[in-house]
Amino acid sequence: MKRIPFFKMSGSGNDFIIIDNRAGNWDHLKTPEFVRTVCMRSISVGADGMIFIEGSDRSDFSWRFFNSDGSEAEMCGNGGRCAARFSVLNRIAGSNLSFETIAGIIRAEVKDEHVKIQLPEPKNQEMNIELDTDGQSFNLHSINTGVPHVVIFVEDIENTDVKSLGAKIRFHPHFQPAGTNVNFVSQEKKNVLNIRTYERGVEDETFACGTGSVAAALIAVSMGKASSPVHVRTKGGEVLKVFTSRKLPPFKDVCLEGGARVVCQGEIWEEAYSFELLKGGF
């Protein structure tokens, strides 16, 4: 079995395994089982998601993005920044580039470790949704920034039970069948937000979520709590910048800016994903 070349990259604490599949050599690996196994921490490489870089007739490249549970997602802001920098480092594209996603064409500008991407126009914004779950009532807001998000403003973000509450809202009948990502947000000052995110597909809190940070920023702008650029402080500590050319929805020219770091590059051995070889590890 061939060993699989890969990069591991991190965007604001979200980590991704990136595989160059432009030649189609790894088409057989784009399965939920492979993704779930290789994304398992301690057992294999470990990551929040996996990105396959593919060829494109419309852009510099296209991608297939998978969450760590093996489900495919339309878009990922932090993953998008990592994919853009990966393409520059591997001479797939120049520093100003575009790539295809299920959510649409994403444009990016790469300056060393710093990447700014323009996201698809947000859609399906809904404000002041009253939701009850397990005897608790929530006032929340929803918007699709490439993937669906809910934004909830809270007073004490540090002591919010993100995993438990996030799961209840993510699987609530109101958001089925697709489900939703859930962002808990507090305001530090006029244009600075703090955010913690429960991510659909990871089914846990992550250190950061790019599209979630964009969702929080746009909802804050809609409420008059902030104006562009909005600074969003993630659980991992990095502050992402969110830009929009409009003060009210529908929002236009929405961009996300932040870092994209290379953690390592190497080869994935068969031992890291072979179900037969891994049986002894479970």
Protein backbone atom coordinates (compact mmCIF):
# COMPACT_ATOMS: atom_id res chain seq x y z
CA MET A 1 0.00 0.00 0.00
CA LYS A 2 1.34 3.43 -0.93
CA ARG A 3 2.05 5.89 1.82
CA ILE A 4 -0.04 9.05 1.56
CA PRO A 5 1.75 12.44 1.53
CA PHE A 6 0.00 15.00 3.71
CA PHE A 7 0.30 18.35 5.44
CA LYS A 8 -1.14 19.01 8.87
CA MET A 9 -2.15 22.65 9.29
CA SER A 10 -3.84 24.75 11.93
CA GLY A 11 -6.14 27.73 11.54
CA SER A 12 -6.77 29.43 14.90
CA GLY A 13 -6.55 26.08 16.70
CA ASN A 14 -8.69 24.15 14.19
CA ASP A 15 -6.40 21.49 12.75
CA PHE A 16 -6.71 19.80 9.37
CA ILE A 17 -5.10 16.99 7.39
CA ILE A 18 -4.59 18.15 3.79
CA ILE A 19 -4.00 15.71 0.93
CA ASP A 20 -3.16 16.74 -2.65
CA ASN A 21 -5.48 14.64 -4.81
CA ARG A 22 -5.29 16.60 -8.08
CA ALA A 23 -3.97 13.51 -9.87
CA GLY A 24 -6.83 11.38 -8.50
CA ASN A 25 -4.44 8.95 -6.78
CA TRP A 26 -6.42 9.04 -3.53
CA ASP A 27 -10.01 8.99 -4.82
CA HIS A 28 -10.59 5.67 -3.06
CA LEU A 29 -9.79 7.28 0.31
CA LYS A 30 -12.64 9.82 0.25
CA THR A 31 -14.83 7.70 2.50
CA PRO A 32 -16.30 8.39 5.94
CA GLU A 33 -14.43 5.38 7.36
CA PHE A 34 -11.02 6.62 6.20
CA VAL A 35 -11.67 10.17 7.41
CA ARG A 36 -12.98 9.10 10.81
CA THR A 37 -10.04 6.76 11.39
CA VAL A 38 -7.23 9.13 10.38
CA CYS A 39 -8.83 12.04 12.28
CA MET A 40 -8.89 10.05 15.54
CA ARG A 41 -6.52 11.50 18.08
CA SER A 42 -4.10 9.16 19.87
CA ILE A 43 -4.96 6.31 17.46
CA SER A 44 -3.98 8.03 14.19
CA VAL A 45 -2.87 11.46 12.92
CA GLY A 46 -5.75 13.28 14.60
CA ALA A 47 -7.54 16.40 13.33
CA ASP A 48 -10.80 18.34 13.32
CA GLY A 49 -11.20 17.71 9.61
CA MET A 50 -9.68 16.51 6.36
CA ILE A 51 -9.27 18.38 3.08
CA PHE A 52 -8.68 16.81 -0.34
CA ILE A 53 -7.28 19.28 -2.88
CA GLU A 54 -8.80 18.54 -6.31
CA GLY A 55 -8.49 19.89 -9.84
CA SER A 56 -10.85 22.54 -11.21
CA ASP A 57 -11.78 24.04 -14.58
CA ARG A 58 -13.19 27.19 -12.95
CA SER A 59 -10.63 28.08 -10.26
CA ASP A 60 -7.07 27.36 -9.19
CA PHE A 61 -8.34 24.20 -7.48
CA SER A 62 -11.38 22.72 -5.78
CA TRP A 63 -11.69 20.89 -2.48
CA ARG A 64 -13.62 18.18 -0.68
CA PHE A 65 -13.91 19.03 3.00
CA PHE A 66 -14.79 16.40 5.62
CA ASN A 67 -15.49 16.81 9.31
CA SER A 68 -13.78 14.41 11.70
CA ASP A 69 -16.95 12.28 11.90
CA GLY A 70 -16.69 11.58 8.16
CA SER A 71 -19.52 13.91 7.10
CA GLU A 72 -18.88 16.30 4.22
CA ALA A 73 -19.37 20.03 4.82
CA GLU A 74 -20.08 22.83 2.38
CA MET A 75 -17.49 25.25 3.75
CA CYS A 76 -15.03 25.88 6.58
CA GLY A 77 -13.46 29.29 7.17
CA ASN A 78 -10.38 28.13 9.07
CA GLY A 79 -9.92 25.18 6.71
CA GLY A 80 -10.28 27.53 3.75
CA ARG A 81 -7.39 29.66 4.95
CA CYS A 82 -5.24 26.56 5.43
CA ALA A 83 -6.13 25.22 1.97
CA ALA A 84 -5.24 28.57 0.41
CA ARG A 85 -1.82 28.68 2.06
CA PHE A 86 -1.22 25.00 1.21
CA SER A 87 -1.85 25.81 -2.45
CA VAL A 88 0.69 28.64 -2.40
CA LEU A 89 3.34 26.58 -0.58
CA ASN A 90 2.91 23.76 -3.11
CA ARG A 91 2.85 26.10 -6.15
CA ILE A 92 -0.69 25.16 -7.05
CA ALA A 93 -1.70 28.82 -7.09
CA GLY A 94 -0.30 32.31 -6.66
CA SER A 95 -0.87 34.53 -3.65
CA ASN A 96 -4.19 35.79 -5.06
CA LEU A 97 -6.29 32.74 -5.80
CA SER A 98 -9.72 31.17 -5.88
CA PHE A 99 -11.03 27.69 -5.19
CA GLU A 100 -14.30 25.81 -5.57
CA THR A 101 -16.39 24.58 -2.64
CA ILE A 102 -19.93 23.25 -2.37
CA ALA A 103 -20.84 26.69 -0.98
CA GLY A 104 -19.43 28.47 -4.04
CA ILE A 105 -16.20 30.05 -5.26
CA ILE A 106 -13.92 31.27 -2.47
CA ARG A 107 -11.32 33.96 -3.16
CA ALA A 108 -8.21 34.31 -1.04
CA GLU A 109 -5.14 36.45 -0.54
CA VAL A 110 -2.10 34.84 1.09
CA LYS A 111 0.70 36.83 2.75
CA ASP A 112 3.08 34.39 4.44
CA GLU A 113 1.14 32.86 7.37
CA HIS A 114 -1.64 35.42 7.08
CA VAL A 115 -4.66 34.65 4.88
CA LYS A 116 -7.77 36.64 4.00
CA ILE A 117 -10.66 34.84 2.33
CA GLN A 118 -13.88 36.17 0.85
CA LEU A 119 -16.85 33.99 1.76
CA PRO A 120 -20.07 33.38 -0.18
CA GLU A 121 -22.85 35.87 0.52
CA PRO A 122 -24.61 34.87 3.76
CA LYS A 123 -28.18 33.66 3.54
CA ASN A 124 -31.17 32.55 5.61
CA GLN A 125 -30.64 35.08 8.38
CA GLU A 126 -33.32 34.86 11.09
CA MET A 127 -33.31 36.99 14.24
CA ASN A 128 -34.81 36.46 17.69
CA ILE A 129 -35.77 32.81 17.50
CA GLU A 130 -37.38 31.68 20.77
CA LEU A 131 -36.35 28.09 21.44
CA ASP A 132 -37.14 25.77 24.36
CA THR A 133 -35.12 22.68 25.17
CA ASP A 134 -35.10 20.61 28.38
CA GLY A 135 -36.94 23.31 30.28
CA GLN A 136 -34.56 26.09 29.19
CA SER A 137 -35.54 29.00 26.97
CA PHE A 138 -33.13 30.63 24.54
CA ASN A 139 -33.27 33.73 22.39
CA LEU A 140 -31.01 33.07 19.44
CA HIS A 141 -30.24 34.12 15.90
CA SER A 142 -29.35 32.06 12.85
CA ILE A 143 -27.46 32.70 9.63
CA ASN A 144 -25.78 30.58 6.96
CA THR A 145 -22.21 31.76 6.29
CA GLY A 146 -21.38 28.80 4.04
CA VAL A 147 -22.73 26.39 6.66
CA PRO A 148 -25.62 26.94 9.09
CA HIS A 149 -24.91 28.71 12.39
CA VAL A 150 -26.80 29.77 15.49
CA VAL A 151 -25.55 32.70 17.60
CA ILE A 152 -26.48 33.11 21.26
CA PHE A 153 -25.29 36.08 23.32
CA VAL A 154 -24.46 35.10 26.90
CA GLU A 155 -23.36 37.02 30.00
CA ASP A 156 -20.83 34.51 31.36
CA ILE A 157 -19.13 32.81 28.44
CA GLU A 158 -16.41 31.18 30.56
CA ASN A 159 -18.94 29.18 32.57
CA THR A 160 -21.28 28.32 29.71
CA ASP A 161 -21.69 24.56 29.22
CA VAL A 162 -20.88 24.70 25.51
CA LYS A 163 -20.82 20.94 24.86
CA SER A 164 -24.11 20.11 26.57
CA LEU A 165 -26.12 23.14 25.46
CA GLY A 166 -24.54 23.13 22.03
CA ALA A 167 -25.54 19.50 21.42
CA LYS A 168 -29.14 20.13 22.50
CA ILE A 169 -29.50 23.06 20.11
CA ARG A 170 -27.52 21.44 17.28
CA PHE A 171 -29.96 18.48 17.26
CA HIS A 172 -33.12 20.47 18.05
CA PRO A 173 -36.05 19.69 15.71
CA HIS A 174 -36.15 23.35 14.64
CA PHE A 175 -32.84 22.89 12.79
CA GLN A 176 -33.35 19.43 11.33
CA PRO A 177 -32.55 17.65 9.12
CA ALA A 178 -29.23 19.45 8.49
CA GLY A 179 -28.59 20.52 12.09
CA THR A 180 -26.56 23.59 12.94
CA ASN A 181 -23.33 24.82 14.48
CA VAL A 182 -23.85 26.69 17.76
CA ASN A 183 -21.90 29.79 18.82
CA PHE A 184 -21.96 31.28 22.30
CA VAL A 185 -20.86 34.92 22.21
CA SER A 186 -20.12 37.69 24.69
CA GLN A 187 -19.19 41.28 23.92
CA GLU A 188 -15.88 42.53 25.27
CA LYS A 189 -16.27 46.04 23.86
CA LYS A 190 -17.74 47.82 20.81
CA ASN A 191 -16.02 45.84 18.04
CA VAL A 192 -14.58 42.94 20.02
CA LEU A 193 -16.44 39.67 20.62
CA ASN A 194 -15.50 36.52 22.52
CA ILE A 195 -16.75 33.25 21.06
CA ARG A 196 -16.99 29.56 21.92
CA THR A 197 -18.35 27.15 19.31
CA TYR A 198 -19.95 23.71 19.27
CA GLU A 199 -19.22 22.34 15.80
CA ARG A 200 -21.54 20.09 13.86
CA GLY A 201 -19.57 17.12 12.53
CA VAL A 202 -16.95 17.34 15.25
CA GLU A 203 -19.77 17.10 17.85
CA ASP A 204 -17.78 18.96 20.46
CA GLU A 205 -16.38 22.38 21.25
CA THR A 206 -13.41 23.37 19.07
CA PHE A 207 -10.71 25.96 19.61
CA ALA A 208 -12.13 28.07 16.80
CA CYS A 209 -14.61 28.12 13.93
CA GLY A 210 -14.07 30.55 11.07
CA THR A 211 -17.59 30.54 9.64
CA GLY A 212 -18.90 30.71 13.21
CA SER A 213 -16.81 33.81 13.90
CA VAL A 214 -18.24 35.37 10.73
CA ALA A 215 -21.77 34.46 11.84
CA ALA A 216 -21.24 36.04 15.27
CA ALA A 217 -19.78 39.20 13.75
CA LEU A 218 -22.61 39.66 11.23
CA ILE A 219 -25.29 39.09 13.85
CA ALA A 220 -23.55 41.64 16.10
CA VAL A 221 -23.51 44.13 13.21
CA SER A 222 -27.22 43.46 12.59
CA MET A 223 -27.95 44.24 16.25
CA GLY A 224 -25.90 47.45 16.25
CA LYS A 225 -23.37 45.93 18.64
CA ALA A 226 -20.43 46.18 16.23
CA SER A 227 -19.26 47.55 12.89
CA SER A 228 -16.76 46.29 10.32
CA PRO A 229 -14.08 45.17 10.94
CA VAL A 230 -15.22 43.06 13.88
CA HIS A 231 -12.54 41.39 16.01
CA VAL A 232 -13.55 37.92 17.25
CA ARG A 233 -11.49 36.29 20.00
CA THR A 234 -11.60 32.48 19.74
CA LYS A 235 -11.17 29.94 22.52
CA GLY A 236 -7.73 29.15 21.11
CA GLY A 237 -6.71 32.77 21.72
CA GLU A 238 -6.35 34.06 18.17
CA VAL A 239 -8.33 37.13 17.18
CA LEU A 240 -9.96 36.79 13.77
CA LYS A 241 -11.08 39.81 11.75
CA VAL A 242 -14.42 39.87 9.94
CA PHE A 243 -15.20 42.44 7.26
CA THR A 244 -18.41 43.44 5.47
CA SER A 245 -19.21 46.37 3.19
CA ARG A 246 -22.77 46.76 4.56
CA LYS A 247 -24.08 47.78 7.98
CA LEU A 248 -27.34 45.85 7.56
CA PRO A 249 -28.33 42.61 5.85
CA PRO A 250 -28.15 41.42 3.16
CA PHE A 251 -24.40 41.47 3.79
CA LYS A 252 -21.92 41.81 0.92
CA ASP A 253 -18.15 41.44 0.50
CA VAL A 254 -17.81 39.31 3.64
CA CYS A 255 -14.19 38.43 4.41
CA LEU A 256 -12.40 36.51 7.15
CA GLU A 257 -8.78 37.21 8.03
CA GLY A 258 -6.44 35.19 10.25
CA GLY A 259 -3.48 32.86 10.46
CA ALA A 260 -2.83 29.50 8.78
CA ARG A 261 0.13 27.58 10.20
CA VAL A 262 1.91 24.48 8.96
CA VAL A 263 2.25 22.00 11.82
CA CYS A 264 4.07 19.26 9.93
CA GLN A 265 4.24 17.35 6.66
CA GLY A 266 4.91 13.69 6.11
CA GLU A 267 3.37 10.41 5.02
CA ILE A 268 0.40 8.52 6.43
CA TRP A 269 1.28 4.84 6.80
CA GLU A 270 -1.23 2.05 6.27
CA GLU A 271 -1.01 1.34 10.00
CA ALA A 272 -2.70 4.69 10.63
CA TYR A 273 -5.90 3.80 8.77
CA SER A 274 -6.08 0.04 8.20
CA PHE A 275 -9.10 -1.28 10.12
CA GLU A 276 -7.53 -4.71 10.49
CA LEU A 277 -4.30 -3.32 11.90
CA LEU A 278 -6.18 -0.94 14.22
CA LYS A 279 -8.45 -3.56 15.78
CA GLY A 280 -5.97 -4.14 18.58
CA GLY A 281 -6.11 -0.47 19.50
CA PHE A 282 -9.83 -0.44 20.38
